[in-house]
Structures are given as structure tokens and as C-alpha cells.
Amino acid sequence: MRAVKTISCAAGYGCGELGRRFAQFMETTRSAGALKRYFSPVVRAGDQGVGHVIRARAASWPRLQWELWDRKIAGMLEPGMECFVGFAGMALQSFRAARRMGCLRLELVMGDWVMCRRRVMGECGLADGIWVEAGSTRDLLVRAGVDETKVRSIPAA
């Protein structure tokens, strides 16, 4: 497989629970040879040229922080992407921008920590594929109306 995925996450690589999930997904993608570039506030050492450090405005409320991150990334995307991967709660505007630019595939990474809010369901609706860690998250999405053929398990790193 050739490098085709552009990934975005507002959590730093390996920082906290979300950052560890991000790092796991990144390394799985990297080992498959599919990682083209990624955006994060903290990148892995040695990832110059692949990892791009992005600073978004700080907000005291996590959902607002994710919204600000999403808007910033949406404004930085460039035409020609084959696959854009965003994390749940922080990808709606990025998905819309990527699709407008002709991106062929949108993928959403969910965690069992995400409840199906309106924003996340909007992301699920735009996504061509949805990655989940837990079966309970898969079940929750399907019960909420997400097409089960979109939902796949995150492979172990």
C-alpha cells in the first residue's frame, strides 16, 4: 500500500488516553505503509516532514477546543488528498472541506469515550469508514442509525 492517509487529531501523539489511541492508530497506519502526513499539537520524535505541529486557540471546554481545532485543520487542507482521517468530535468541518476539495475517502476514528451527539452523528454520516475499538461502540453507532457496513475494528498496533 502506498502512503495515502492524512490524519488529524487535537490530542498530542501519545499524550493522555486520546493521544495514546491516536498514536496506536498512527502506528498501525504507518506500518501498513499508508501514512502520508498528520496534524497534531505534539508529533512523534523524528517525524519531520510527516508530522505537522499545529497550535489551535486554547479553550477551557474540550468540545469547544475540538471545534476550534477542526476549523483550523479545515482551513489548512489542500486539494489532492486521497483519504482524510479525523477523530470523532473534531472532524465535521474538516470532512466537509476535504469533500469539497475532491477527497476520495473520509474515515472517522471513534472511541468508546464518545457519545453519539449531533456533531459526531454528522461526522458519521459523512464518513466512508468508521474505526472503533470496542464492540459496544459499534453497537451504539448501529443502534443510532449508522450503516454497519461502514464500521470496522481498529487493528492492534
C-alpha atoms as a PDB file:
ATOM      1  CA  MET A   1       0.000   0.000   0.000  1.00  0.00           C
ATOM      2  CA  ARG A   2       1.245   3.496  -0.731  1.00  0.00           C
ATOM      3  CA  ALA A   3       1.017   6.495   1.577  1.00  0.00           C
ATOM      4  CA  VAL A   4      -2.455   7.941   1.118  1.00  0.00           C
ATOM      5  CA  LYS A   5      -3.834   8.934   4.541  1.00  0.00           C
ATOM      6  CA  THR A   6      -3.794  12.406   6.053  1.00  0.00           C
ATOM      7  CA  ILE A   7      -4.722  12.142   9.748  1.00  0.00           C
ATOM      8  CA  SER A   8      -5.786  14.849  12.193  1.00  0.00           C
ATOM      9  CA  CYS A   9      -6.179  14.710  15.971  1.00  0.00           C
ATOM     10  CA  ALA A  10      -6.332  17.533  18.511  1.00  0.00           C
ATOM     11  CA  ALA A  11      -4.584  15.326  21.084  1.00  0.00           C
ATOM     12  CA  GLY A  12      -0.815  15.184  21.047  1.00  0.00           C
ATOM     13  CA  TYR A  13       0.870  11.986  19.922  1.00  0.00           C
ATOM     14  CA  GLY A  14       0.933   9.705  22.977  1.00  0.00           C
ATOM     15  CA  CYS A  15      -0.431  12.388  25.331  1.00  0.00           C
ATOM     16  CA  GLY A  16      -3.218  11.111  27.573  1.00  0.00           C
ATOM     17  CA  GLU A  17      -5.815   8.480  26.709  1.00  0.00           C
ATOM     18  CA  LEU A  18      -6.879  10.060  23.418  1.00  0.00           C
ATOM     19  CA  GLY A  19      -3.251  10.702  22.454  1.00  0.00           C
ATOM     20  CA  ARG A  20      -2.421   7.028  23.063  1.00  0.00           C
ATOM     21  CA  ARG A  21      -5.319   5.968  20.846  1.00  0.00           C
ATOM     22  CA  PHE A  22      -4.111   8.435  18.227  1.00  0.00           C
ATOM     23  CA  ALA A  23      -0.558   7.046  18.455  1.00  0.00           C
ATOM     24  CA  GLN A  24      -1.847   3.465  18.142  1.00  0.00           C
ATOM     25  CA  PHE A  25      -3.884   4.327  15.045  1.00  0.00           C
ATOM     26  CA  MET A  26      -0.942   6.270  13.586  1.00  0.00           C
ATOM     27  CA  GLU A  27       1.487   3.398  14.047  1.00  0.00           C
ATOM     28  CA  THR A  28      -0.938   0.875  12.564  1.00  0.00           C
ATOM     29  CA  THR A  29      -1.350   3.168   9.557  1.00  0.00           C
ATOM     30  CA  ARG A  30       2.412   3.744   9.324  1.00  0.00           C
ATOM     31  CA  SER A  31       3.215   0.012   9.481  1.00  0.00           C
ATOM     32  CA  ALA A  32       0.731  -0.598   6.636  1.00  0.00           C
ATOM     33  CA  GLY A  33       2.621   1.997   4.565  1.00  0.00           C
ATOM     34  CA  ALA A  34      -0.483   4.190   4.294  1.00  0.00           C
ATOM     35  CA  LEU A  35       0.607   7.274   6.297  1.00  0.00           C
ATOM     36  CA  LYS A  36       1.155  10.371   4.158  1.00  0.00           C
ATOM     37  CA  ARG A  37       1.038  13.088   6.843  1.00  0.00           C
ATOM     38  CA  TYR A  38      -0.627  14.030  10.089  1.00  0.00           C
ATOM     39  CA  PHE A  39      -1.613  17.085  12.124  1.00  0.00           C
ATOM     40  CA  SER A  40      -1.283  17.152  15.912  1.00  0.00           C
ATOM     41  CA  PRO A  41      -0.196  19.555  18.679  1.00  0.00           C
ATOM     42  CA  VAL A  42       2.618  17.080  19.519  1.00  0.00           C
ATOM     43  CA  VAL A  43       4.275  14.815  16.928  1.00  0.00           C
ATOM     44  CA  ARG A  44       6.484  11.759  17.340  1.00  0.00           C
ATOM     45  CA  ALA A  45      10.215  12.451  17.512  1.00  0.00           C
ATOM     46  CA  GLY A  46      11.774  12.040  14.079  1.00  0.00           C
ATOM     47  CA  ASP A  47       8.552  12.678  12.158  1.00  0.00           C
ATOM     48  CA  GLN A  48       9.735  15.830  10.390  1.00  0.00           C
ATOM     49  CA  GLY A  49       8.003  16.128   7.034  1.00  0.00           C
ATOM     50  CA  VAL A  50       5.231  13.700   8.033  1.00  0.00           C
ATOM     51  CA  GLY A  51       4.042  15.133  11.352  1.00  0.00           C
ATOM     52  CA  HIS A  52       2.924  18.747  11.386  1.00  0.00           C
ATOM     53  CA  VAL A  53       2.662  20.548  14.720  1.00  0.00           C
ATOM     54  CA  ILE A  54      -0.490  22.646  14.818  1.00  0.00           C
ATOM     55  CA  ARG A  55      -1.363  25.087  17.572  1.00  0.00           C
ATOM     56  CA  ALA A  56      -5.043  25.894  17.948  1.00  0.00           C
ATOM     57  CA  ARG A  57      -6.545  28.535  20.198  1.00  0.00           C
ATOM     58  CA  ALA A  58      -6.983  27.295  23.737  1.00  0.00           C
ATOM     59  CA  ALA A  59     -10.459  26.768  25.152  1.00  0.00           C
ATOM     60  CA  SER A  60     -11.439  25.635  28.632  1.00  0.00           C
ATOM     61  CA  TRP A  61     -14.203  23.350  27.356  1.00  0.00           C
ATOM     62  CA  PRO A  62     -12.945  20.233  25.464  1.00  0.00           C
ATOM     63  CA  ARG A  63     -15.732  20.197  22.883  1.00  0.00           C
ATOM     64  CA  LEU A  64     -15.068  23.854  22.060  1.00  0.00           C
ATOM     65  CA  GLN A  65     -11.339  23.069  21.838  1.00  0.00           C
ATOM     66  CA  TRP A  66     -12.103  20.287  19.351  1.00  0.00           C
ATOM     67  CA  GLU A  67     -14.370  22.610  17.336  1.00  0.00           C
ATOM     68  CA  LEU A  68     -11.589  25.221  17.098  1.00  0.00           C
ATOM     69  CA  TRP A  69      -9.108  22.502  16.094  1.00  0.00           C
ATOM     70  CA  ASP A  70     -11.468  21.211  13.414  1.00  0.00           C
ATOM     71  CA  ARG A  71     -11.974  24.658  11.912  1.00  0.00           C
ATOM     72  CA  LYS A  72      -8.221  25.291  11.832  1.00  0.00           C
ATOM     73  CA  ILE A  73      -7.490  21.978  10.104  1.00  0.00           C
ATOM     74  CA  ALA A  74     -10.331  22.519   7.614  1.00  0.00           C
ATOM     75  CA  GLY A  75      -8.661  25.783   6.587  1.00  0.00           C
ATOM     76  CA  MET A  76      -5.275  24.090   6.116  1.00  0.00           C
ATOM     77  CA  LEU A  77      -6.313  21.149   3.932  1.00  0.00           C
ATOM     78  CA  GLU A  78      -5.178  21.080   0.322  1.00  0.00           C
ATOM     79  CA  PRO A  79      -6.755  19.530  -2.767  1.00  0.00           C
ATOM     80  CA  GLY A  80      -5.489  16.151  -3.899  1.00  0.00           C
ATOM     81  CA  MET A  81      -5.975  14.135  -0.722  1.00  0.00           C
ATOM     82  CA  GLU A  82      -6.962  10.522  -1.294  1.00  0.00           C
ATOM     83  CA  CYS A  83      -8.041   9.795   2.283  1.00  0.00           C
ATOM     84  CA  PHE A  84      -8.601  12.116   5.240  1.00  0.00           C
ATOM     85  CA  VAL A  85      -8.913  10.594   8.715  1.00  0.00           C
ATOM     86  CA  GLY A  86     -10.355  12.582  11.607  1.00  0.00           C
ATOM     87  CA  PHE A  87     -11.179  11.740  15.208  1.00  0.00           C
ATOM     88  CA  ALA A  88     -14.770  11.865  16.431  1.00  0.00           C
ATOM     89  CA  GLY A  89     -15.919  15.243  17.674  1.00  0.00           C
ATOM     90  CA  MET A  90     -13.161  17.110  15.825  1.00  0.00           C
ATOM     91  CA  ALA A  91     -13.670  16.343  12.123  1.00  0.00           C
ATOM     92  CA  LEU A  92     -17.002  17.717  10.840  1.00  0.00           C
ATOM     93  CA  GLN A  93     -15.665  20.902   9.202  1.00  0.00           C
ATOM     94  CA  SER A  94     -12.538  19.075   8.018  1.00  0.00           C
ATOM     95  CA  PHE A  95     -14.675  16.378   6.400  1.00  0.00           C
ATOM     96  CA  ARG A  96     -16.762  18.983   4.617  1.00  0.00           C
ATOM     97  CA  ALA A  97     -13.656  20.842   3.397  1.00  0.00           C
ATOM     98  CA  ALA A  98     -11.921  17.634   2.277  1.00  0.00           C
ATOM     99  CA  ARG A  99     -15.016  16.500   0.362  1.00  0.00           C
ATOM    100  CA  ARG A 100     -15.303  19.922  -1.351  1.00  0.00           C
ATOM    101  CA  MET A 101     -11.671  19.508  -2.451  1.00  0.00           C
ATOM    102  CA  GLY A 102     -12.393  16.149  -4.021  1.00  0.00           C
ATOM    103  CA  CYS A 103     -11.034  13.865  -1.306  1.00  0.00           C
ATOM    104  CA  LEU A 104     -11.931  10.320  -2.315  1.00  0.00           C
ATOM    105  CA  ARG A 105     -12.367   8.801   1.150  1.00  0.00           C
ATOM    106  CA  LEU A 106     -13.201  10.078   4.636  1.00  0.00           C
ATOM    107  CA  GLU A 107     -12.556   7.938   7.708  1.00  0.00           C
ATOM    108  CA  LEU A 108     -13.607   8.611  11.293  1.00  0.00           C
ATOM    109  CA  VAL A 109     -11.872   7.154  14.351  1.00  0.00           C
ATOM    110  CA  MET A 110     -14.247   6.609  17.263  1.00  0.00           C
ATOM    111  CA  GLY A 111     -13.515   5.716  20.836  1.00  0.00           C
ATOM    112  CA  ASP A 112     -15.788   4.213  23.443  1.00  0.00           C
ATOM    113  CA  TRP A 113     -15.438   7.588  25.180  1.00  0.00           C
ATOM    114  CA  VAL A 114     -17.554   9.301  22.510  1.00  0.00           C
ATOM    115  CA  MET A 115     -21.308   9.584  22.930  1.00  0.00           C
ATOM    116  CA  CYS A 116     -23.412   9.930  19.803  1.00  0.00           C
ATOM    117  CA  ARG A 117     -24.067  13.637  19.816  1.00  0.00           C
ATOM    118  CA  ARG A 118     -25.379  15.575  16.842  1.00  0.00           C
ATOM    119  CA  ARG A 119     -21.886  16.618  15.709  1.00  0.00           C
ATOM    120  CA  VAL A 120     -20.484  13.093  15.871  1.00  0.00           C
ATOM    121  CA  MET A 121     -23.505  11.721  14.018  1.00  0.00           C
ATOM    122  CA  GLY A 122     -22.909  14.343  11.315  1.00  0.00           C
ATOM    123  CA  GLU A 123     -19.329  13.106  11.038  1.00  0.00           C
ATOM    124  CA  CYS A 124     -20.554   9.505  10.855  1.00  0.00           C
ATOM    125  CA  GLY A 125     -22.911  10.474   8.051  1.00  0.00           C
ATOM    126  CA  LEU A 126     -20.076  11.988   6.001  1.00  0.00           C
ATOM    127  CA  ALA A 127     -17.540   9.230   6.727  1.00  0.00           C
ATOM    128  CA  ASP A 128     -16.973   6.414   4.261  1.00  0.00           C
ATOM    129  CA  GLY A 129     -15.445   4.295   7.027  1.00  0.00           C
ATOM    130  CA  ILE A 130     -15.597   4.410  10.823  1.00  0.00           C
ATOM    131  CA  TRP A 131     -12.932   2.835  13.046  1.00  0.00           C
ATOM    132  CA  VAL A 132     -13.904   1.626  16.526  1.00  0.00           C
ATOM    133  CA  GLU A 133     -12.027  -0.146  19.312  1.00  0.00           C
ATOM    134  CA  ALA A 134     -14.900  -1.625  21.255  1.00  0.00           C
ATOM    135  CA  GLY A 135     -17.875  -3.710  20.168  1.00  0.00           C
ATOM    136  CA  SER A 136     -20.066  -1.613  22.442  1.00  0.00           C
ATOM    137  CA  THR A 137     -19.210   1.500  20.400  1.00  0.00           C
ATOM    138  CA  ARG A 138     -20.065  -0.371  17.204  1.00  0.00           C
ATOM    139  CA  ASP A 139     -23.399  -1.451  18.685  1.00  0.00           C
ATOM    140  CA  LEU A 140     -24.159   2.092  19.862  1.00  0.00           C
ATOM    141  CA  LEU A 141     -23.488   3.504  16.393  1.00  0.00           C
ATOM    142  CA  VAL A 142     -25.601   0.905  14.623  1.00  0.00           C
ATOM    143  CA  ARG A 143     -28.485   1.481  17.081  1.00  0.00           C
ATOM    144  CA  ALA A 144     -28.164   5.213  16.361  1.00  0.00           C
ATOM    145  CA  GLY A 145     -28.649   4.538  12.638  1.00  0.00           C
ATOM    146  CA  VAL A 146     -25.101   4.328  11.264  1.00  0.00           C
ATOM    147  CA  ASP A 147     -24.722   1.880   8.363  1.00  0.00           C
ATOM    148  CA  GLU A 148     -22.989  -1.123   9.933  1.00  0.00           C
ATOM    149  CA  THR A 149     -21.006  -1.790   6.731  1.00  0.00           C
ATOM    150  CA  LYS A 150     -19.048   1.419   7.445  1.00  0.00           C
ATOM    151  CA  VAL A 151     -17.922   0.299  10.911  1.00  0.00           C
ATOM    152  CA  ARG A 152     -14.617  -1.586  11.319  1.00  0.00           C
ATOM    153  CA  SER A 153     -12.416  -2.569  14.260  1.00  0.00           C
ATOM    154  CA  ILE A 154      -9.117  -0.780  14.805  1.00  0.00           C
ATOM    155  CA  PRO A 155      -6.341  -3.324  14.279  1.00  0.00           C
ATOM    156  CA  ALA A 156      -3.820  -3.753  17.102  1.00  0.00           C
ATOM    157  CA  ALA A 157      -0.574  -1.832  16.633  1.00  0.00           C
END
